[in-house]
């Protein structure tokens, strides 16, 4: 898929803060977070990008850690 720089349609929350990708039939949200181990929070694309769930990402960005 090609996305232009202003196209945020690939994201789960295009106008929000989450970097997670939108789930679909070909990109289901079936993978656990590598940090907190919460089930079914990441898509294959999120895993490829080495992301963690939004809760863990927010905690890390705020210096709180998990």
PDB file of N, CA and C in Angstrom:
ATOM      1  N   UNK A   1       0.837  -1.191   0.000  1.00  0.00           N
ATOM      2  CA  UNK A   1       0.000   0.000   0.000  1.00  0.00           C
ATOM      3  C   UNK A   1       0.869   1.237   0.000  1.00  0.00           C
ATOM      4  N   UNK A   2       0.468   2.194  -0.739  1.00  0.00           N
ATOM      5  CA  UNK A   2       1.164   3.473  -0.747  1.00  0.00           C
ATOM      6  C   UNK A   2       0.293   4.514  -0.060  1.00  0.00           C
ATOM      7  N   UNK A   3       0.889   5.247   0.825  1.00  0.00           N
ATOM      8  CA  UNK A   3       0.187   6.317   1.529  1.00  0.00           C
ATOM      9  C   UNK A   3       0.972   7.597   1.313  1.00  0.00           C
ATOM     10  N   UNK A   4       0.266   8.662   0.958  1.00  0.00           N
ATOM     11  CA  UNK A   4       1.000   9.913   0.862  1.00  0.00           C
ATOM     12  C   UNK A   4       1.197  10.473   2.261  1.00  0.00           C
ATOM     13  N   UNK A   5       2.060  11.449   2.374  1.00  0.00           N
ATOM     14  CA  UNK A   5       2.472  11.952   3.680  1.00  0.00           C
ATOM     15  C   UNK A   5       1.321  12.428   4.559  1.00  0.00           C
ATOM     16  N   UNK A   6       0.245  12.914   3.967  1.00  0.00           N
ATOM     17  CA  UNK A   6      -0.865  13.445   4.746  1.00  0.00           C
ATOM     18  C   UNK A   6      -1.966  12.416   4.975  1.00  0.00           C
ATOM     19  N   UNK A   7      -1.843  11.228   4.396  1.00  0.00           N
ATOM     20  CA  UNK A   7      -2.871  10.204   4.503  1.00  0.00           C
ATOM     21  C   UNK A   7      -2.641   9.374   5.761  1.00  0.00           C
ATOM     22  N   UNK A   8      -3.547   9.513   6.721  1.00  0.00           N
ATOM     23  CA  UNK A   8      -3.414   8.753   7.967  1.00  0.00           C
ATOM     24  C   UNK A   8      -4.426   7.616   8.028  1.00  0.00           C
ATOM     25  N   UNK A   9      -4.990   7.235   6.884  1.00  0.00           N
ATOM     26  CA  UNK A   9      -6.024   6.215   6.860  1.00  0.00           C
ATOM     27  C   UNK A   9      -5.512   4.831   7.234  1.00  0.00           C
ATOM     28  N   UNK A  10      -4.212   4.617   7.225  1.00  0.00           N
ATOM     29  CA  UNK A  10      -3.671   3.319   7.620  1.00  0.00           C
ATOM     30  C   UNK A  10      -3.695   3.125   9.131  1.00  0.00           C
ATOM     31  N   UNK A  11      -3.949   4.190   9.894  1.00  0.00           N
ATOM     32  CA  UNK A  11      -3.901   4.135  11.345  1.00  0.00           C
ATOM     33  C   UNK A  11      -5.256   3.791  11.960  1.00  0.00           C
ATOM     34  N   UNK A  12      -5.225   3.133  13.101  1.00  0.00           N
ATOM     35  CA  UNK A  12      -6.436   2.770  13.831  1.00  0.00           C
ATOM     36  C   UNK A  12      -7.225   4.009  14.241  1.00  0.00           C
ATOM     37  N   UNK A  13      -6.532   5.040  14.647  1.00  0.00           N
ATOM     38  CA  UNK A  13      -7.150   6.292  15.101  1.00  0.00           C
ATOM     39  C   UNK A  13      -6.508   7.436  14.321  1.00  0.00           C
ATOM     40  N   UNK A  14      -6.927   7.654  13.060  1.00  0.00           N
ATOM     41  CA  UNK A  14      -6.234   8.596  12.173  1.00  0.00           C
ATOM     42  C   UNK A  14      -6.045  10.004  12.725  1.00  0.00           C
ATOM     43  N   UNK A  15      -6.935  10.481  13.554  1.00  0.00           N
ATOM     44  CA  UNK A  15      -6.805  11.829  14.094  1.00  0.00           C
ATOM     45  C   UNK A  15      -6.214  11.866  15.480  1.00  0.00           C
ATOM     46  N   UNK A  16      -5.907  10.706  16.029  1.00  0.00           N
ATOM     47  CA  UNK A  16      -5.444  10.619  17.406  1.00  0.00           C
ATOM     48  C   UNK A  16      -3.951  10.428  17.545  1.00  0.00           C
ATOM     49  N   UNK A  17      -3.566   9.933  18.706  1.00  0.00           N
ATOM     50  CA  UNK A  17      -2.150   9.795  19.035  1.00  0.00           C
ATOM     51  C   UNK A  17      -1.584   8.411  18.745  1.00  0.00           C
ATOM     52  N   UNK A  18      -2.424   7.421  18.572  1.00  0.00           N
ATOM     53  CA  UNK A  18      -1.971   6.047  18.399  1.00  0.00           C
ATOM     54  C   UNK A  18      -1.226   5.851  17.078  1.00  0.00           C
ATOM     55  N   UNK A  19      -0.143   5.103  17.142  1.00  0.00           N
ATOM     56  CA  UNK A  19       0.617   4.753  15.942  1.00  0.00           C
ATOM     57  C   UNK A  19       0.226   3.374  15.418  1.00  0.00           C
ATOM     58  N   UNK A  20      -0.685   2.699  16.110  1.00  0.00           N
ATOM     59  CA  UNK A  20      -1.091   1.367  15.683  1.00  0.00           C
ATOM     60  C   UNK A  20      -1.844   1.427  14.364  1.00  0.00           C
ATOM     61  N   UNK A  21      -1.665   0.383  13.572  1.00  0.00           N
ATOM     62  CA  UNK A  21      -2.303   0.314  12.263  1.00  0.00           C
ATOM     63  C   UNK A  21      -3.722  -0.214  12.378  1.00  0.00           C
ATOM     64  N   UNK A  22      -4.558   0.191  11.447  1.00  0.00           N
ATOM     65  CA  UNK A  22      -5.954  -0.219  11.405  1.00  0.00           C
ATOM     66  C   UNK A  22      -6.042  -1.725  11.158  1.00  0.00           C
ATOM     67  N   UNK A  23      -6.918  -2.397  11.873  1.00  0.00           N
ATOM     68  CA  UNK A  23      -7.147  -3.819  11.669  1.00  0.00           C
ATOM     69  C   UNK A  23      -8.061  -4.015  10.468  1.00  0.00           C
ATOM     70  N   UNK A  24      -7.858  -5.115   9.776  1.00  0.00           N
ATOM     71  CA  UNK A  24      -8.682  -5.472   8.626  1.00  0.00           C
ATOM     72  C   UNK A  24      -8.673  -6.988   8.477  1.00  0.00           C
ATOM     73  N   UNK A  25      -9.372  -7.502   7.475  1.00  0.00           N
ATOM     74  CA  UNK A  25      -9.357  -8.944   7.230  1.00  0.00           C
ATOM     75  C   UNK A  25      -7.947  -9.444   6.961  1.00  0.00           C
ATOM     76  N   UNK A  26      -7.161  -8.665   6.263  1.00  0.00           N
ATOM     77  CA  UNK A  26      -5.797  -9.078   5.923  1.00  0.00           C
ATOM     78  C   UNK A  26      -4.762  -8.629   6.958  1.00  0.00           C
ATOM     79  N   UNK A  27      -5.177  -7.823   7.900  1.00  0.00           N
ATOM     80  CA  UNK A  27      -4.279  -7.330   8.942  1.00  0.00           C
ATOM     81  C   UNK A  27      -5.024  -7.332  10.286  1.00  0.00           C
ATOM     82  N   UNK A  28      -5.407  -8.536  10.759  1.00  0.00           N
ATOM     83  CA  UNK A  28      -6.204  -8.602  11.991  1.00  0.00           C
ATOM     84  C   UNK A  28      -5.390  -8.275  13.240  1.00  0.00           C
ATOM     85  N   UNK A  29      -6.103  -7.827  14.261  1.00  0.00           N
ATOM     86  CA  UNK A  29      -5.482  -7.496  15.548  1.00  0.00           C
ATOM     87  C   UNK A  29      -5.470  -8.774  16.390  1.00  0.00           C
ATOM     88  N   UNK A  30      -4.414  -9.599  16.191  1.00  0.00           N
ATOM     89  CA  UNK A  30      -4.365 -10.925  16.820  1.00  0.00           C
ATOM     90  C   UNK A  30      -3.077 -11.186  17.595  1.00  0.00           C
ATOM     91  N   UNK A  31      -2.209 -10.206  17.683  1.00  0.00           N
ATOM     92  CA  UNK A  31      -0.914 -10.410  18.325  1.00  0.00           C
ATOM     93  C   UNK A  31      -0.856  -9.716  19.681  1.00  0.00           C
ATOM     94  N   UNK A  32      -0.095 -10.289  20.624  1.00  0.00           N
ATOM     95  CA  UNK A  32       0.022  -9.687  21.951  1.00  0.00           C
ATOM     96  C   UNK A  32       1.034  -8.546  21.966  1.00  0.00           C
ATOM     97  N   UNK A  33       0.904  -7.698  22.968  1.00  0.00           N
ATOM     98  CA  UNK A  33       1.887  -6.643  23.204  1.00  0.00           C
ATOM     99  C   UNK A  33       3.162  -7.294  23.740  1.00  0.00           C
ATOM    100  N   UNK A  34       4.323  -6.953  23.195  1.00  0.00           N
ATOM    101  CA  UNK A  34       5.560  -7.561  23.684  1.00  0.00           C
ATOM    102  C   UNK A  34       5.945  -7.091  25.089  1.00  0.00           C
ATOM    103  N   UNK A  35       5.364  -6.002  25.544  1.00  0.00           N
ATOM    104  CA  UNK A  35       5.708  -5.449  26.852  1.00  0.00           C
ATOM    105  C   UNK A  35       4.804  -5.990  27.958  1.00  0.00           C
ATOM    106  N   UNK A  36       3.504  -5.784  27.826  1.00  0.00           N
ATOM    107  CA  UNK A  36       2.575  -6.191  28.885  1.00  0.00           C
ATOM    108  C   UNK A  36       1.905  -7.537  28.622  1.00  0.00           C
ATOM    109  N   UNK A  37       2.092  -8.063  27.428  1.00  0.00           N
ATOM    110  CA  UNK A  37       1.546  -9.369  27.029  1.00  0.00           C
ATOM    111  C   UNK A  37       0.035  -9.371  26.860  1.00  0.00           C
ATOM    112  N   UNK A  38      -0.603  -8.194  26.804  1.00  0.00           N
ATOM    113  CA  UNK A  38      -2.045  -8.138  26.554  1.00  0.00           C
ATOM    114  C   UNK A  38      -2.330  -8.798  25.208  1.00  0.00           C
ATOM    115  N   UNK A  39      -3.374  -9.609  25.160  1.00  0.00           N
ATOM    116  CA  UNK A  39      -3.695 -10.372  23.958  1.00  0.00           C
ATOM    117  C   UNK A  39      -4.464  -9.524  22.944  1.00  0.00           C
ATOM    118  N   UNK A  40      -4.257  -9.846  21.673  1.00  0.00           N
ATOM    119  CA  UNK A  40      -5.044  -9.290  20.561  1.00  0.00           C
ATOM    120  C   UNK A  40      -5.049  -7.762  20.504  1.00  0.00           C
ATOM    121  N   UNK A  41      -3.885  -7.157  20.690  1.00  0.00           N
ATOM    122  CA  UNK A  41      -3.810  -5.695  20.644  1.00  0.00           C
ATOM    123  C   UNK A  41      -3.006  -5.163  19.452  1.00  0.00           C
ATOM    124  N   UNK A  42      -2.245  -6.030  18.783  1.00  0.00           N
ATOM    125  CA  UNK A  42      -1.416  -5.590  17.663  1.00  0.00           C
ATOM    126  C   UNK A  42      -1.769  -6.338  16.387  1.00  0.00           C
ATOM    127  N   UNK A  43      -1.562  -5.667  15.257  1.00  0.00           N
ATOM    128  CA  UNK A  43      -1.712  -6.299  13.954  1.00  0.00           C
ATOM    129  C   UNK A  43      -0.345  -6.805  13.496  1.00  0.00           C
ATOM    130  N   UNK A  44      -0.334  -7.549  12.405  1.00  0.00           N
ATOM    131  CA  UNK A  44       0.925  -8.030  11.845  1.00  0.00           C
ATOM    132  C   UNK A  44       1.841  -6.862  11.515  1.00  0.00           C
ATOM    133  N   UNK A  45       1.271  -5.795  10.957  1.00  0.00           N
ATOM    134  CA  UNK A  45       2.062  -4.609  10.601  1.00  0.00           C
ATOM    135  C   UNK A  45       2.653  -3.952  11.848  1.00  0.00           C
ATOM    136  N   UNK A  46       1.888  -3.871  12.932  1.00  0.00           N
ATOM    137  CA  UNK A  46       2.396  -3.321  14.193  1.00  0.00           C
ATOM    138  C   UNK A  46       3.597  -4.132  14.680  1.00  0.00           C
ATOM    139  N   UNK A  47       3.483  -5.465  14.603  1.00  0.00           N
ATOM    140  CA  UNK A  47       4.572  -6.348  15.039  1.00  0.00           C
ATOM    141  C   UNK A  47       5.802  -6.134  14.156  1.00  0.00           C
ATOM    142  N   UNK A  48       5.600  -6.025  12.845  1.00  0.00           N
ATOM    143  CA  UNK A  48       6.712  -5.791  11.923  1.00  0.00           C
ATOM    144  C   UNK A  48       7.445  -4.498  12.265  1.00  0.00           C
ATOM    145  N   UNK A  49       6.702  -3.503  12.723  1.00  0.00           N
ATOM    146  CA  UNK A  49       7.281  -2.207  13.080  1.00  0.00           C
ATOM    147  C   UNK A  49       7.817  -2.186  14.511  1.00  0.00           C
ATOM    148  N   UNK A  50       7.690  -3.325  15.201  1.00  0.00           N
ATOM    149  CA  UNK A  50       8.171  -3.482  16.579  1.00  0.00           C
ATOM    150  C   UNK A  50       7.478  -2.533  17.559  1.00  0.00           C
ATOM    151  N   UNK A  51       6.154  -2.351  17.363  1.00  0.00           N
ATOM    152  CA  UNK A  51       5.372  -1.504  18.240  1.00  0.00           C
ATOM    153  C   UNK A  51       4.892  -2.275  19.454  1.00  0.00           C
ATOM    154  N   UNK A  52       4.430  -1.531  20.447  1.00  0.00           N
ATOM    155  CA  UNK A  52       3.776  -2.091  21.621  1.00  0.00           C
ATOM    156  C   UNK A  52       2.384  -1.472  21.690  1.00  0.00           C
ATOM    157  N   UNK A  53       1.554  -1.936  22.602  1.00  0.00           N
ATOM    158  CA  UNK A  53       0.192  -1.406  22.696  1.00  0.00           C
ATOM    159  C   UNK A  53       0.217   0.075  23.098  1.00  0.00           C
ATOM    160  N   UNK A  54      -0.888   0.739  22.884  1.00  0.00           N
ATOM    161  CA  UNK A  54      -0.982   2.171  23.196  1.00  0.00           C
ATOM    162  C   UNK A  54      -0.722   2.456  24.670  1.00  0.00           C
ATOM    163  N   UNK A  55      -1.234   1.609  25.558  1.00  0.00           N
ATOM    164  CA  UNK A  55      -1.049   1.824  26.996  1.00  0.00           C
ATOM    165  C   UNK A  55       0.431   1.807  27.360  1.00  0.00           C
ATOM    166  N   UNK A  56       1.152   0.826  26.841  1.00  0.00           N
ATOM    167  CA  UNK A  56       2.598   0.728  27.132  1.00  0.00           C
ATOM    168  C   UNK A  56       3.371   1.866  26.461  1.00  0.00           C
ATOM    169  N   UNK A  57       2.972   2.229  25.248  1.00  0.00           N
ATOM    170  CA  UNK A  57       3.649   3.332  24.543  1.00  0.00           C
ATOM    171  C   UNK A  57       3.439   4.642  25.310  1.00  0.00           C
ATOM    172  N   UNK A  58       2.221   4.883  25.770  1.00  0.00           N
ATOM    173  CA  UNK A  58       1.939   6.101  26.535  1.00  0.00           C
ATOM    174  C   UNK A  58       2.748   6.122  27.829  1.00  0.00           C
ATOM    175  N   UNK A  59       2.831   4.992  28.512  1.00  0.00           N
ATOM    176  CA  UNK A  59       3.592   4.920  29.761  1.00  0.00           C
ATOM    177  C   UNK A  59       5.066   5.209  29.511  1.00  0.00           C
ATOM    178  N   UNK A  60       5.616   4.642  28.441  1.00  0.00           N
ATOM    179  CA  UNK A  60       7.031   4.865  28.110  1.00  0.00           C
ATOM    180  C   UNK A  60       7.288   6.325  27.744  1.00  0.00           C
ATOM    181  N   UNK A  61       6.380   6.918  26.999  1.00  0.00           N
ATOM    182  CA  UNK A  61       6.551   8.318  26.596  1.00  0.00           C
ATOM    183  C   UNK A  61       6.419   9.271  27.779  1.00  0.00           C
ATOM    184  N   UNK A  62       5.685   8.874  28.788  1.00  0.00           N
ATOM    185  CA  UNK A  62       5.494   9.715  29.971  1.00  0.00           C
ATOM    186  C   UNK A  62       6.492   9.397  31.079  1.00  0.00           C
ATOM    187  N   UNK A  63       7.466   8.532  30.773  1.00  0.00           N
ATOM    188  CA  UNK A  63       8.488   8.199  31.739  1.00  0.00           C
ATOM    189  C   UNK A  63       8.036   7.324  32.889  1.00  0.00           C
ATOM    190  N   UNK A  64       6.889   6.681  32.732  1.00  0.00           N
ATOM    191  CA  UNK A  64       6.374   5.859  33.812  1.00  0.00           C
ATOM    192  C   UNK A  64       6.793   4.401  33.703  1.00  0.00           C
ATOM    193  N   UNK A  65       7.158   3.968  32.508  1.00  0.00           N
ATOM    194  CA  UNK A  65       7.465   2.553  32.334  1.00  0.00           C
ATOM    195  C   UNK A  65       6.232   1.718  32.535  1.00  0.00           C
ATOM    196  N   UNK A  66       6.334   0.455  32.281  1.00  0.00           N
ATOM    197  CA  UNK A  66       5.170  -0.414  32.413  1.00  0.00           C
ATOM    198  C   UNK A  66       4.989  -0.851  33.837  1.00  0.00           C
TER     199      UNK A  66
END
